[in-house]
Amino acid sequence: MSIKRITRHLVQHHWRAKQVFTPKVLDRIEQAIKQGETTHSGQVRFVVEGALDGRPLFRNQPARERALDVFSHLRIWDTAHNNGVLIYLLLADRDVEIVADRGIDAKVGAAGWEKICREMEGEFRAGRFEHGVIKGIEAVSRELAHHFQPRGPHPNELPDKPVVM
């Protein structure tokens, strides 16, 4: 367990996410998700967590493991075509994780998701959080559109509204 990481998480905590992801920014992210979902039959969720606290922090839970917990908790795996995708940002670590259901994950693979994550993280290092998230949503939507084209009207199985934890 890194003292540096614990300190970063305790200092930044949840206020940082609300400072960076204002209601207007969250509205634009929601619109990007809605727009993307018109091009495919998949489902995209965006979750930002300012920092870990309590047990996840003191057990040094990696961002990937936390993203898997969030994916499960929000039931992103529960889509008709197994094509739900979570874009998870742990702001204190500036770490992006993409967790995808088995239908789309089998087609894109870890390397494809990792490339999108690294591009987003590059934007975040430059302080362009909104741009980085929207760029990531667009990239995920392109993958979904390539593999899961919409066929007629399709229900919105998951909320498009971003989650701030």
C-alpha atoms as a PDB file:
ATOM      1  CA  MET A   1       0.000   0.000   0.000  1.00  0.00           C
ATOM      2  CA  SER A   2       1.416   3.353  -1.067  1.00  0.00           C
ATOM      3  CA  ILE A   3       1.268   6.240   1.394  1.00  0.00           C
ATOM      4  CA  LYS A   4       1.462   8.576  -1.591  1.00  0.00           C
ATOM      5  CA  ARG A   5      -1.675   7.036  -3.135  1.00  0.00           C
ATOM      6  CA  ILE A   6      -3.593   7.102   0.152  1.00  0.00           C
ATOM      7  CA  THR A   7      -2.701  10.771   0.667  1.00  0.00           C
ATOM      8  CA  ARG A   8      -3.724  11.649  -2.903  1.00  0.00           C
ATOM      9  CA  HIS A   9      -7.095   9.950  -2.416  1.00  0.00           C
ATOM     10  CA  LEU A  10      -7.717  11.518   0.979  1.00  0.00           C
ATOM     11  CA  VAL A  11      -6.792  15.005  -0.233  1.00  0.00           C
ATOM     12  CA  GLN A  12      -8.655  14.952  -3.558  1.00  0.00           C
ATOM     13  CA  HIS A  13     -11.647  13.011  -2.355  1.00  0.00           C
ATOM     14  CA  HIS A  14     -15.058  13.535  -3.955  1.00  0.00           C
ATOM     15  CA  TRP A  15     -15.086  17.318  -4.229  1.00  0.00           C
ATOM     16  CA  ARG A  16     -12.600  17.137  -7.108  1.00  0.00           C
ATOM     17  CA  ALA A  17     -14.969  15.154  -9.328  1.00  0.00           C
ATOM     18  CA  LYS A  18     -17.743  17.687  -8.765  1.00  0.00           C
ATOM     19  CA  GLN A  19     -15.345  20.551  -9.470  1.00  0.00           C
ATOM     20  CA  VAL A  20     -14.159  19.074 -12.787  1.00  0.00           C
ATOM     21  CA  PHE A  21     -17.448  17.492 -13.853  1.00  0.00           C
ATOM     22  CA  THR A  22     -19.927  20.317 -13.381  1.00  0.00           C
ATOM     23  CA  PRO A  23     -23.624  19.851 -14.241  1.00  0.00           C
ATOM     24  CA  LYS A  24     -23.045  21.470 -17.663  1.00  0.00           C
ATOM     25  CA  VAL A  25     -20.127  19.138 -18.420  1.00  0.00           C
ATOM     26  CA  LEU A  26     -22.173  16.129 -17.303  1.00  0.00           C
ATOM     27  CA  ASP A  27     -25.031  17.247 -19.573  1.00  0.00           C
ATOM     28  CA  ARG A  28     -22.656  17.401 -22.561  1.00  0.00           C
ATOM     29  CA  ILE A  29     -21.299  13.943 -21.704  1.00  0.00           C
ATOM     30  CA  GLU A  30     -24.858  12.605 -21.499  1.00  0.00           C
ATOM     31  CA  GLN A  31     -25.622  14.110 -24.914  1.00  0.00           C
ATOM     32  CA  ALA A  32     -22.486  12.455 -26.353  1.00  0.00           C
ATOM     33  CA  ILE A  33     -23.689   9.087 -25.032  1.00  0.00           C
ATOM     34  CA  LYS A  34     -27.186   9.641 -26.474  1.00  0.00           C
ATOM     35  CA  GLN A  35     -25.714  10.673 -29.841  1.00  0.00           C
ATOM     36  CA  GLY A  36     -23.376   7.684 -29.911  1.00  0.00           C
ATOM     37  CA  GLU A  37     -26.167   5.267 -29.096  1.00  0.00           C
ATOM     38  CA  THR A  38     -28.065   6.368 -32.217  1.00  0.00           C
ATOM     39  CA  THR A  39     -25.277   4.724 -34.261  1.00  0.00           C
ATOM     40  CA  HIS A  40     -25.329   1.285 -32.618  1.00  0.00           C
ATOM     41  CA  SER A  41     -27.404  -1.098 -30.539  1.00  0.00           C
ATOM     42  CA  GLY A  42     -24.967  -1.094 -27.589  1.00  0.00           C
ATOM     43  CA  GLN A  43     -25.184   0.656 -24.247  1.00  0.00           C
ATOM     44  CA  VAL A  44     -22.546   3.039 -22.857  1.00  0.00           C
ATOM     45  CA  ARG A  45     -22.201   4.276 -19.277  1.00  0.00           C
ATOM     46  CA  PHE A  46     -19.700   6.800 -17.919  1.00  0.00           C
ATOM     47  CA  VAL A  47     -18.794   6.817 -14.225  1.00  0.00           C
ATOM     48  CA  VAL A  48     -16.318   9.114 -12.514  1.00  0.00           C
ATOM     49  CA  GLU A  49     -15.181   8.477  -8.973  1.00  0.00           C
ATOM     50  CA  GLY A  50     -13.242  11.287  -7.366  1.00  0.00           C
ATOM     51  CA  ALA A  51     -11.264   9.066  -5.026  1.00  0.00           C
ATOM     52  CA  LEU A  52     -11.483   5.820  -3.164  1.00  0.00           C
ATOM     53  CA  ASP A  53     -12.195   5.857   0.542  1.00  0.00           C
ATOM     54  CA  GLY A  54     -12.722   3.380   3.312  1.00  0.00           C
ATOM     55  CA  ARG A  55     -12.084  -0.262   2.634  1.00  0.00           C
ATOM     56  CA  PRO A  56     -11.334   0.022  -1.129  1.00  0.00           C
ATOM     57  CA  LEU A  57      -8.643   2.607  -0.391  1.00  0.00           C
ATOM     58  CA  PHE A  58      -7.008   0.843   2.527  1.00  0.00           C
ATOM     59  CA  ARG A  59      -6.965  -2.493   0.727  1.00  0.00           C
ATOM     60  CA  ASN A  60      -5.297  -0.631  -2.154  1.00  0.00           C
ATOM     61  CA  GLN A  61      -7.978  -1.637  -4.644  1.00  0.00           C
ATOM     62  CA  PRO A  62      -6.728  -1.082  -8.208  1.00  0.00           C
ATOM     63  CA  ALA A  63      -8.866   1.009 -10.565  1.00  0.00           C
ATOM     64  CA  ARG A  64      -9.514  -2.036 -12.770  1.00  0.00           C
ATOM     65  CA  GLU A  65     -10.944  -4.029  -9.882  1.00  0.00           C
ATOM     66  CA  ARG A  66     -13.069  -1.068  -8.793  1.00  0.00           C
ATOM     67  CA  ALA A  67     -14.360  -0.661 -12.363  1.00  0.00           C
ATOM     68  CA  LEU A  68     -15.425  -4.318 -12.377  1.00  0.00           C
ATOM     69  CA  ASP A  69     -17.345  -3.732  -9.129  1.00  0.00           C
ATOM     70  CA  VAL A  70     -19.087  -0.688 -10.637  1.00  0.00           C
ATOM     71  CA  PHE A  71     -19.845  -2.591 -13.873  1.00  0.00           C
ATOM     72  CA  SER A  72     -21.552  -5.284 -11.838  1.00  0.00           C
ATOM     73  CA  HIS A  73     -23.323  -2.925  -9.421  1.00  0.00           C
ATOM     74  CA  LEU A  74     -24.822  -0.864 -12.280  1.00  0.00           C
ATOM     75  CA  ARG A  75     -25.812  -4.094 -14.089  1.00  0.00           C
ATOM     76  CA  ILE A  76     -24.107  -3.025 -17.302  1.00  0.00           C
ATOM     77  CA  TRP A  77     -23.681  -6.709 -18.090  1.00  0.00           C
ATOM     78  CA  ASP A  78     -27.457  -7.086 -18.238  1.00  0.00           C
ATOM     79  CA  THR A  79     -28.112  -6.008 -21.849  1.00  0.00           C
ATOM     80  CA  ALA A  80     -29.982  -8.008 -24.478  1.00  0.00           C
ATOM     81  CA  HIS A  81     -26.991  -8.342 -26.820  1.00  0.00           C
ATOM     82  CA  ASN A  82     -24.214  -8.465 -24.215  1.00  0.00           C
ATOM     83  CA  ASN A  83     -22.862  -5.185 -25.529  1.00  0.00           C
ATOM     84  CA  GLY A  84     -22.823  -2.867 -22.525  1.00  0.00           C
ATOM     85  CA  VAL A  85     -19.657  -0.808 -21.983  1.00  0.00           C
ATOM     86  CA  LEU A  86     -18.517   1.067 -18.890  1.00  0.00           C
ATOM     87  CA  ILE A  87     -16.017   3.911 -19.130  1.00  0.00           C
ATOM     88  CA  TYR A  88     -14.758   4.366 -15.565  1.00  0.00           C
ATOM     89  CA  LEU A  89     -12.510   7.205 -14.426  1.00  0.00           C
ATOM     90  CA  LEU A  90     -10.806   7.129 -11.038  1.00  0.00           C
ATOM     91  CA  LEU A  91      -9.934  10.806 -10.923  1.00  0.00           C
ATOM     92  CA  ALA A  92      -7.419  10.724  -8.048  1.00  0.00           C
ATOM     93  CA  ASP A  93      -5.305   8.248 -10.037  1.00  0.00           C
ATOM     94  CA  ARG A  94      -6.259   9.724 -13.442  1.00  0.00           C
ATOM     95  CA  ASP A  95      -6.793   6.129 -14.443  1.00  0.00           C
ATOM     96  CA  VAL A  96      -9.403   5.166 -17.043  1.00  0.00           C
ATOM     97  CA  GLU A  97     -10.726   1.639 -17.285  1.00  0.00           C
ATOM     98  CA  ILE A  98     -13.125   0.280 -19.864  1.00  0.00           C
ATOM     99  CA  VAL A  99     -15.104  -2.788 -18.904  1.00  0.00           C
ATOM    100  CA  ALA A 100     -17.156  -4.347 -21.665  1.00  0.00           C
ATOM    101  CA  ASP A 101     -19.695  -7.140 -21.702  1.00  0.00           C
ATOM    102  CA  ARG A 102     -18.660 -10.356 -23.409  1.00  0.00           C
ATOM    103  CA  GLY A 103     -20.463  -9.712 -26.714  1.00  0.00           C
ATOM    104  CA  ILE A 104     -18.490  -6.575 -27.589  1.00  0.00           C
ATOM    105  CA  ASP A 105     -15.366  -7.462 -25.611  1.00  0.00           C
ATOM    106  CA  ALA A 106     -14.817 -10.554 -27.746  1.00  0.00           C
ATOM    107  CA  LYS A 107     -14.760  -8.355 -30.837  1.00  0.00           C
ATOM    108  CA  VAL A 108     -12.644  -5.416 -29.598  1.00  0.00           C
ATOM    109  CA  GLY A 109     -10.376  -7.112 -27.086  1.00  0.00           C
ATOM    110  CA  ALA A 110      -8.176  -5.757 -24.323  1.00  0.00           C
ATOM    111  CA  ALA A 111      -5.745  -4.031 -26.701  1.00  0.00           C
ATOM    112  CA  GLY A 112      -8.558  -2.072 -28.380  1.00  0.00           C
ATOM    113  CA  TRP A 113      -9.972  -0.868 -25.072  1.00  0.00           C
ATOM    114  CA  GLU A 114      -6.508  -0.076 -23.716  1.00  0.00           C
ATOM    115  CA  LYS A 115      -5.777   2.158 -26.698  1.00  0.00           C
ATOM    116  CA  ILE A 116      -8.925   4.199 -26.027  1.00  0.00           C
ATOM    117  CA  CYS A 117      -8.055   4.450 -22.311  1.00  0.00           C
ATOM    118  CA  ARG A 118      -4.522   5.719 -23.025  1.00  0.00           C
ATOM    119  CA  GLU A 119      -5.837   8.369 -25.437  1.00  0.00           C
ATOM    120  CA  MET A 120      -8.289   9.564 -22.800  1.00  0.00           C
ATOM    121  CA  GLU A 121      -5.585   9.645 -20.133  1.00  0.00           C
ATOM    122  CA  GLY A 122      -3.433  11.772 -22.443  1.00  0.00           C
ATOM    123  CA  GLU A 123      -6.241  14.331 -22.636  1.00  0.00           C
ATOM    124  CA  PHE A 124      -6.613  14.258 -18.853  1.00  0.00           C
ATOM    125  CA  ARG A 125      -2.886  14.901 -18.333  1.00  0.00           C
ATOM    126  CA  ALA A 126      -3.368  18.023 -20.451  1.00  0.00           C
ATOM    127  CA  GLY A 127      -6.290  19.071 -18.224  1.00  0.00           C
ATOM    128  CA  ARG A 128      -8.916  18.438 -20.927  1.00  0.00           C
ATOM    129  CA  PHE A 129     -11.275  16.207 -18.964  1.00  0.00           C
ATOM    130  CA  GLU A 130     -14.497  16.931 -20.824  1.00  0.00           C
ATOM    131  CA  HIS A 131     -12.811  16.592 -24.203  1.00  0.00           C
ATOM    132  CA  GLY A 132     -11.107  13.361 -23.123  1.00  0.00           C
ATOM    133  CA  VAL A 133     -14.346  11.771 -21.933  1.00  0.00           C
ATOM    134  CA  ILE A 134     -16.276  12.757 -25.056  1.00  0.00           C
ATOM    135  CA  LYS A 135     -13.423  11.537 -27.257  1.00  0.00           C
ATOM    136  CA  GLY A 136     -13.531   8.217 -25.386  1.00  0.00           C
ATOM    137  CA  ILE A 137     -17.299   7.921 -25.752  1.00  0.00           C
ATOM    138  CA  GLU A 138     -16.978   8.574 -29.488  1.00  0.00           C
ATOM    139  CA  ALA A 139     -14.263   5.913 -29.817  1.00  0.00           C
ATOM    140  CA  VAL A 140     -16.316   3.344 -27.884  1.00  0.00           C
ATOM    141  CA  SER A 141     -19.364   4.211 -29.997  1.00  0.00           C
ATOM    142  CA  ARG A 142     -17.360   3.678 -33.210  1.00  0.00           C
ATOM    143  CA  GLU A 143     -16.413   0.190 -32.008  1.00  0.00           C
ATOM    144  CA  LEU A 144     -20.001  -0.587 -31.092  1.00  0.00           C
ATOM    145  CA  ALA A 145     -21.283   0.792 -34.431  1.00  0.00           C
ATOM    146  CA  HIS A 146     -18.788  -1.388 -36.283  1.00  0.00           C
ATOM    147  CA  HIS A 147     -19.884  -4.576 -34.511  1.00  0.00           C
ATOM    148  CA  PHE A 148     -23.472  -3.863 -33.408  1.00  0.00           C
ATOM    149  CA  GLN A 149     -25.258  -1.809 -36.061  1.00  0.00           C
ATOM    150  CA  PRO A 150     -28.747  -0.698 -35.087  1.00  0.00           C
ATOM    151  CA  ARG A 151     -31.501  -2.749 -36.642  1.00  0.00           C
ATOM    152  CA  GLY A 152     -34.692  -0.754 -36.364  1.00  0.00           C
ATOM    153  CA  PRO A 153     -35.763   0.877 -33.137  1.00  0.00           C
ATOM    154  CA  HIS A 154     -33.884  -0.367 -30.107  1.00  0.00           C
ATOM    155  CA  PRO A 155     -34.698   0.386 -26.480  1.00  0.00           C
ATOM    156  CA  ASN A 156     -32.367   2.366 -24.282  1.00  0.00           C
ATOM    157  CA  GLU A 157     -31.622  -0.377 -21.772  1.00  0.00           C
ATOM    158  CA  LEU A 158     -29.380   1.682 -19.470  1.00  0.00           C
ATOM    159  CA  PRO A 159     -29.483   5.325 -18.386  1.00  0.00           C
ATOM    160  CA  ASP A 160     -27.295   7.719 -20.406  1.00  0.00           C
ATOM    161  CA  LYS A 161     -26.775  10.052 -17.462  1.00  0.00           C
ATOM    162  CA  PRO A 162     -23.180   9.980 -16.161  1.00  0.00           C
ATOM    163  CA  VAL A 163     -22.641   8.850 -12.572  1.00  0.00           C
ATOM    164  CA  VAL A 164     -20.436  10.804 -10.163  1.00  0.00           C
ATOM    165  CA  MET A 165     -19.420   8.715  -7.165  1.00  0.00           C
END
